[in-house]
Amino acid sequence: PEAPLDQKIALAFPGLAAPARRGLATLADDWVGLVRLAEIARNEGPSEGLGQIAGVSGVGPVAARALALFFRETHNRAMVDALVAELDRIEDAEKPKSDTAVAGKTVVFTGALERFTRDEAKARAESLGAKVSGSVSKKTDYLVAGPGAGSKMAEAQKHGVQVLTEDEWLALIGG
């Protein structure tokens, strides 16, 4: 499936605010149509096309002119076309689960984890709907502590946060 137009615009113009991207995406049916509109605006100078782009909330005349000038350059169009070709290969990310024991809970990992890397632990927790934090607060639900847990352990005890070993964490999340 082809990536949505606003996603293509975000890739081509990472500094453009989300409302402006969504607004630009409403001007054309597809990427080719948006490029054609920008090319018309570029070629005609102050015109209806440029005014149409500039009229999008969050864009304005300066950004519209920059967009038109951007598409004037052949290498920019080639780069955007190459990026757009890659977008068609992107698959939707898997949504985090919401029916797990840790969904909606805040988890902090500390110490030398032995059963998994910190990145693996974070990815697994997030896939189960948990929020992973780097620091302990009174809003933390679980502290998963490996050997050598220090100040985070003290903070967890101070705030009454439930402390789990790696094995207890795995039992809670079902392995």
C-alpha atoms as a PDB file:
ATOM      1  CA  PRO A   1       0.000   0.000   0.000  1.00  0.00           C
ATOM      2  CA  GLU A   2       1.171   3.506  -0.802  1.00  0.00           C
ATOM      3  CA  ALA A   3       2.159   5.778   2.080  1.00  0.00           C
ATOM      4  CA  PRO A   4      -0.230   8.644   2.842  1.00  0.00           C
ATOM      5  CA  LEU A   5       0.607  11.989   1.220  1.00  0.00           C
ATOM      6  CA  ASP A   6       1.161  13.749   4.565  1.00  0.00           C
ATOM      7  CA  GLN A   7       3.728  11.073   5.483  1.00  0.00           C
ATOM      8  CA  LYS A   8       5.569  11.705   2.220  1.00  0.00           C
ATOM      9  CA  ILE A   9       5.486  15.448   2.872  1.00  0.00           C
ATOM     10  CA  ALA A  10       6.896  14.882   6.387  1.00  0.00           C
ATOM     11  CA  LEU A  11       9.770  12.869   4.959  1.00  0.00           C
ATOM     12  CA  ALA A  12      10.553  15.445   2.291  1.00  0.00           C
ATOM     13  CA  PHE A  13      10.161  18.454   4.612  1.00  0.00           C
ATOM     14  CA  PRO A  14      10.963  17.333   8.187  1.00  0.00           C
ATOM     15  CA  GLY A  15      10.872  20.914   9.519  1.00  0.00           C
ATOM     16  CA  LEU A  16       7.314  21.538   8.328  1.00  0.00           C
ATOM     17  CA  ALA A  17       4.776  21.539  11.173  1.00  0.00           C
ATOM     18  CA  ALA A  18       2.178  18.752  11.253  1.00  0.00           C
ATOM     19  CA  PRO A  19      -0.807  21.079  10.625  1.00  0.00           C
ATOM     20  CA  ALA A  20       0.935  22.484   7.545  1.00  0.00           C
ATOM     21  CA  ARG A  21       1.733  18.957   6.283  1.00  0.00           C
ATOM     22  CA  ARG A  22      -1.897  17.905   6.719  1.00  0.00           C
ATOM     23  CA  GLY A  23      -3.060  21.084   4.997  1.00  0.00           C
ATOM     24  CA  LEU A  24      -0.746  20.544   2.041  1.00  0.00           C
ATOM     25  CA  ALA A  25      -1.939  16.953   1.781  1.00  0.00           C
ATOM     26  CA  THR A  26      -5.479  18.239   1.211  1.00  0.00           C
ATOM     27  CA  LEU A  27      -4.403  20.273  -1.834  1.00  0.00           C
ATOM     28  CA  ALA A  28      -3.700  17.272  -4.048  1.00  0.00           C
ATOM     29  CA  ASP A  29      -4.832  13.697  -4.470  1.00  0.00           C
ATOM     30  CA  ASP A  30      -1.296  12.316  -4.468  1.00  0.00           C
ATOM     31  CA  TRP A  31       2.400  13.199  -4.435  1.00  0.00           C
ATOM     32  CA  VAL A  32       2.517  13.821  -8.174  1.00  0.00           C
ATOM     33  CA  GLY A  33      -0.358  16.280  -7.869  1.00  0.00           C
ATOM     34  CA  LEU A  34       1.374  18.165  -5.061  1.00  0.00           C
ATOM     35  CA  VAL A  35       4.634  18.342  -7.024  1.00  0.00           C
ATOM     36  CA  ARG A  36       2.687  19.593 -10.068  1.00  0.00           C
ATOM     37  CA  LEU A  37       1.047  22.289  -7.929  1.00  0.00           C
ATOM     38  CA  ALA A  38       4.439  23.341  -6.544  1.00  0.00           C
ATOM     39  CA  GLU A  39       5.929  23.419 -10.046  1.00  0.00           C
ATOM     40  CA  ILE A  40       3.078  25.600 -11.294  1.00  0.00           C
ATOM     41  CA  ALA A  41       3.563  27.917  -8.333  1.00  0.00           C
ATOM     42  CA  ARG A  42       7.301  28.044  -9.054  1.00  0.00           C
ATOM     43  CA  ASN A  43       6.874  28.758 -12.752  1.00  0.00           C
ATOM     44  CA  GLU A  44       4.128  31.331 -12.414  1.00  0.00           C
ATOM     45  CA  GLY A  45       5.572  33.247  -9.473  1.00  0.00           C
ATOM     46  CA  PRO A  46       2.830  35.046  -7.548  1.00  0.00           C
ATOM     47  CA  SER A  47      -0.182  33.171  -8.840  1.00  0.00           C
ATOM     48  CA  GLU A  48      -3.267  31.270  -7.897  1.00  0.00           C
ATOM     49  CA  GLY A  49      -1.187  28.102  -7.357  1.00  0.00           C
ATOM     50  CA  LEU A  50       1.253  29.808  -5.022  1.00  0.00           C
ATOM     51  CA  GLY A  51      -1.656  31.516  -3.287  1.00  0.00           C
ATOM     52  CA  GLN A  52      -3.362  28.164  -2.828  1.00  0.00           C
ATOM     53  CA  ILE A  53      -0.268  26.695  -1.151  1.00  0.00           C
ATOM     54  CA  ALA A  54       0.286  29.855   0.912  1.00  0.00           C
ATOM     55  CA  GLY A  55      -3.336  29.758   2.043  1.00  0.00           C
ATOM     56  CA  VAL A  56      -2.860  26.485   3.917  1.00  0.00           C
ATOM     57  CA  SER A  57      -2.963  27.063   7.655  1.00  0.00           C
ATOM     58  CA  GLY A  58       0.583  26.955   8.978  1.00  0.00           C
ATOM     59  CA  VAL A  59       2.260  27.415   5.587  1.00  0.00           C
ATOM     60  CA  GLY A  60       2.062  31.072   4.558  1.00  0.00           C
ATOM     61  CA  PRO A  61       3.743  32.911   1.688  1.00  0.00           C
ATOM     62  CA  VAL A  62       7.359  32.405   2.820  1.00  0.00           C
ATOM     63  CA  ALA A  63       7.023  28.630   3.173  1.00  0.00           C
ATOM     64  CA  ALA A  64       5.019  28.404  -0.057  1.00  0.00           C
ATOM     65  CA  ARG A  65       7.775  30.234  -1.935  1.00  0.00           C
ATOM     66  CA  ALA A  66      10.415  27.978  -0.334  1.00  0.00           C
ATOM     67  CA  LEU A  67       8.416  24.913  -1.395  1.00  0.00           C
ATOM     68  CA  ALA A  68       8.180  26.208  -4.956  1.00  0.00           C
ATOM     69  CA  LEU A  69      11.909  27.030  -5.053  1.00  0.00           C
ATOM     70  CA  PHE A  70      12.763  23.621  -3.619  1.00  0.00           C
ATOM     71  CA  PHE A  71      11.019  21.878  -6.507  1.00  0.00           C
ATOM     72  CA  ARG A  72      12.833  24.098  -9.015  1.00  0.00           C
ATOM     73  CA  GLU A  73      15.994  22.063  -8.384  1.00  0.00           C
ATOM     74  CA  THR A  74      16.159  18.807 -10.356  1.00  0.00           C
ATOM     75  CA  HIS A  75      18.297  17.108  -7.702  1.00  0.00           C
ATOM     76  CA  ASN A  76      15.706  17.933  -5.020  1.00  0.00           C
ATOM     77  CA  ARG A  77      12.921  16.365  -7.073  1.00  0.00           C
ATOM     78  CA  ALA A  78      15.106  13.282  -7.663  1.00  0.00           C
ATOM     79  CA  MET A  79      15.880  13.001  -3.951  1.00  0.00           C
ATOM     80  CA  VAL A  80      12.212  13.303  -2.991  1.00  0.00           C
ATOM     81  CA  ASP A  81      11.221  10.743  -5.631  1.00  0.00           C
ATOM     82  CA  ALA A  82      13.795   8.320  -4.187  1.00  0.00           C
ATOM     83  CA  LEU A  83      12.450   8.913  -0.668  1.00  0.00           C
ATOM     84  CA  VAL A  84       8.881   8.429  -1.852  1.00  0.00           C
ATOM     85  CA  ALA A  85       9.843   5.117  -3.465  1.00  0.00           C
ATOM     86  CA  GLU A  86      11.135   3.960  -0.078  1.00  0.00           C
ATOM     87  CA  LEU A  87       7.915   5.008   1.653  1.00  0.00           C
ATOM     88  CA  ASP A  88       5.958   2.497  -0.370  1.00  0.00           C
ATOM     89  CA  ARG A  89       7.968  -0.243   1.348  1.00  0.00           C
ATOM     90  CA  ILE A  90       7.212   0.888   4.912  1.00  0.00           C
ATOM     91  CA  GLU A  91       4.832  -1.321   6.843  1.00  0.00           C
ATOM     92  CA  ASP A  92       2.577  -0.125   9.623  1.00  0.00           C
ATOM     93  CA  ALA A  93       4.053  -0.591  13.086  1.00  0.00           C
ATOM     94  CA  GLU A  94       2.437  -3.116  15.340  1.00  0.00           C
ATOM     95  CA  LYS A  95       0.182  -1.439  17.874  1.00  0.00           C
ATOM     96  CA  PRO A  96       0.993  -2.001  21.554  1.00  0.00           C
ATOM     97  CA  LYS A  97      -1.318  -4.422  23.318  1.00  0.00           C
ATOM     98  CA  SER A  98      -3.832  -3.020  25.750  1.00  0.00           C
ATOM     99  CA  ASP A  99      -4.996  -6.187  27.486  1.00  0.00           C
ATOM    100  CA  THR A 100      -1.841  -7.171  29.373  1.00  0.00           C
ATOM    101  CA  ALA A 101      -0.879  -7.026  33.048  1.00  0.00           C
ATOM    102  CA  VAL A 102       1.412  -4.071  32.340  1.00  0.00           C
ATOM    103  CA  ALA A 103      -0.686  -2.098  29.833  1.00  0.00           C
ATOM    104  CA  GLY A 104      -0.849   1.528  30.964  1.00  0.00           C
ATOM    105  CA  LYS A 105       1.764   0.978  33.672  1.00  0.00           C
ATOM    106  CA  THR A 106       5.059   2.846  33.983  1.00  0.00           C
ATOM    107  CA  VAL A 107       8.154   0.656  34.241  1.00  0.00           C
ATOM    108  CA  VAL A 108      11.782   1.502  34.986  1.00  0.00           C
ATOM    109  CA  PHE A 109      14.668  -0.904  34.384  1.00  0.00           C
ATOM    110  CA  THR A 110      17.841  -0.583  36.453  1.00  0.00           C
ATOM    111  CA  GLY A 111      20.993  -2.474  37.345  1.00  0.00           C
ATOM    112  CA  ALA A 112      22.875  -4.964  35.210  1.00  0.00           C
ATOM    113  CA  LEU A 113      20.099  -6.879  33.494  1.00  0.00           C
ATOM    114  CA  GLU A 114      21.159 -10.481  32.905  1.00  0.00           C
ATOM    115  CA  ARG A 115      18.230 -12.019  31.002  1.00  0.00           C
ATOM    116  CA  PHE A 116      17.865  -9.350  28.304  1.00  0.00           C
ATOM    117  CA  THR A 117      19.438  -6.120  27.129  1.00  0.00           C
ATOM    118  CA  ARG A 118      17.922  -2.816  28.207  1.00  0.00           C
ATOM    119  CA  ASP A 119      16.736  -2.196  24.626  1.00  0.00           C
ATOM    120  CA  GLU A 120      15.085  -5.627  24.487  1.00  0.00           C
ATOM    121  CA  ALA A 121      13.411  -5.036  27.848  1.00  0.00           C
ATOM    122  CA  LYS A 122      12.135  -1.631  26.764  1.00  0.00           C
ATOM    123  CA  ALA A 123      10.832  -2.902  23.415  1.00  0.00           C
ATOM    124  CA  ARG A 124       9.033  -5.832  25.060  1.00  0.00           C
ATOM    125  CA  ALA A 125       7.463  -3.647  27.745  1.00  0.00           C
ATOM    126  CA  GLU A 126       6.273  -1.089  25.179  1.00  0.00           C
ATOM    127  CA  SER A 127       4.847  -3.822  22.928  1.00  0.00           C
ATOM    128  CA  LEU A 128       2.784  -4.935  25.934  1.00  0.00           C
ATOM    129  CA  GLY A 129       1.398  -1.421  26.398  1.00  0.00           C
ATOM    130  CA  ALA A 130       3.686  -0.242  29.197  1.00  0.00           C
ATOM    131  CA  LYS A 131       5.424   3.118  29.302  1.00  0.00           C
ATOM    132  CA  VAL A 132       9.153   2.845  29.974  1.00  0.00           C
ATOM    133  CA  SER A 133      10.807   5.645  31.905  1.00  0.00           C
ATOM    134  CA  GLY A 134      14.428   6.340  32.693  1.00  0.00           C
ATOM    135  CA  SER A 135      13.767   7.615  36.198  1.00  0.00           C
ATOM    136  CA  VAL A 136      11.682   6.586  39.190  1.00  0.00           C
ATOM    137  CA  SER A 137       8.913   8.820  40.503  1.00  0.00           C
ATOM    138  CA  LYS A 138       5.725   8.409  42.484  1.00  0.00           C
ATOM    139  CA  LYS A 139       4.003   7.647  39.150  1.00  0.00           C
ATOM    140  CA  THR A 140       6.229   4.606  38.527  1.00  0.00           C
ATOM    141  CA  ASP A 141       4.385   1.290  38.862  1.00  0.00           C
ATOM    142  CA  TYR A 142       7.286  -1.178  38.611  1.00  0.00           C
ATOM    143  CA  LEU A 143      11.044  -1.049  39.013  1.00  0.00           C
ATOM    144  CA  VAL A 144      12.713  -4.071  37.438  1.00  0.00           C
ATOM    145  CA  ALA A 145      16.056  -4.349  39.169  1.00  0.00           C
ATOM    146  CA  GLY A 146      19.065  -6.385  38.141  1.00  0.00           C
ATOM    147  CA  PRO A 147      22.284  -6.708  40.154  1.00  0.00           C
ATOM    148  CA  GLY A 148      23.890  -3.407  41.091  1.00  0.00           C
ATOM    149  CA  ALA A 149      20.687  -1.378  41.314  1.00  0.00           C
ATOM    150  CA  GLY A 150      21.555   1.818  43.162  1.00  0.00           C
ATOM    151  CA  SER A 151      19.844   5.179  43.419  1.00  0.00           C
ATOM    152  CA  LYS A 152      16.785   4.070  41.449  1.00  0.00           C
ATOM    153  CA  MET A 153      16.208   1.325  44.003  1.00  0.00           C
ATOM    154  CA  ALA A 154      16.353   3.898  46.814  1.00  0.00           C
ATOM    155  CA  GLU A 155      13.889   6.152  44.942  1.00  0.00           C
ATOM    156  CA  ALA A 156      11.537   3.203  44.381  1.00  0.00           C
ATOM    157  CA  GLN A 157      11.560   2.350  48.083  1.00  0.00           C
ATOM    158  CA  LYS A 158      11.002   6.022  48.983  1.00  0.00           C
ATOM    159  CA  HIS A 159       7.919   6.193  46.708  1.00  0.00           C
ATOM    160  CA  GLY A 160       6.558   2.716  47.516  1.00  0.00           C
ATOM    161  CA  VAL A 161       7.133   1.437  43.977  1.00  0.00           C
ATOM    162  CA  GLN A 162       6.860  -2.320  43.506  1.00  0.00           C
ATOM    163  CA  VAL A 163      10.348  -3.749  42.868  1.00  0.00           C
ATOM    164  CA  LEU A 164      10.645  -6.868  40.690  1.00  0.00           C
ATOM    165  CA  THR A 165      13.531  -9.132  39.818  1.00  0.00           C
ATOM    166  CA  GLU A 166      13.989 -10.030  36.166  1.00  0.00           C
ATOM    167  CA  ASP A 167      12.377 -13.418  36.814  1.00  0.00           C
ATOM    168  CA  GLU A 168       9.384 -11.785  38.533  1.00  0.00           C
ATOM    169  CA  TRP A 169       9.051  -9.359  35.603  1.00  0.00           C
ATOM    170  CA  LEU A 170       9.077 -12.258  33.118  1.00  0.00           C
ATOM    171  CA  ALA A 171       6.454 -14.095  35.172  1.00  0.00           C
ATOM    172  CA  LEU A 172       4.280 -10.957  35.224  1.00  0.00           C
ATOM    173  CA  ILE A 173       4.440 -10.479  31.458  1.00  0.00           C
ATOM    174  CA  GLY A 174       4.135 -14.155  30.644  1.00  0.00           C
ATOM    175  CA  GLY A 175       7.733 -14.894  29.700  1.00  0.00           C
END
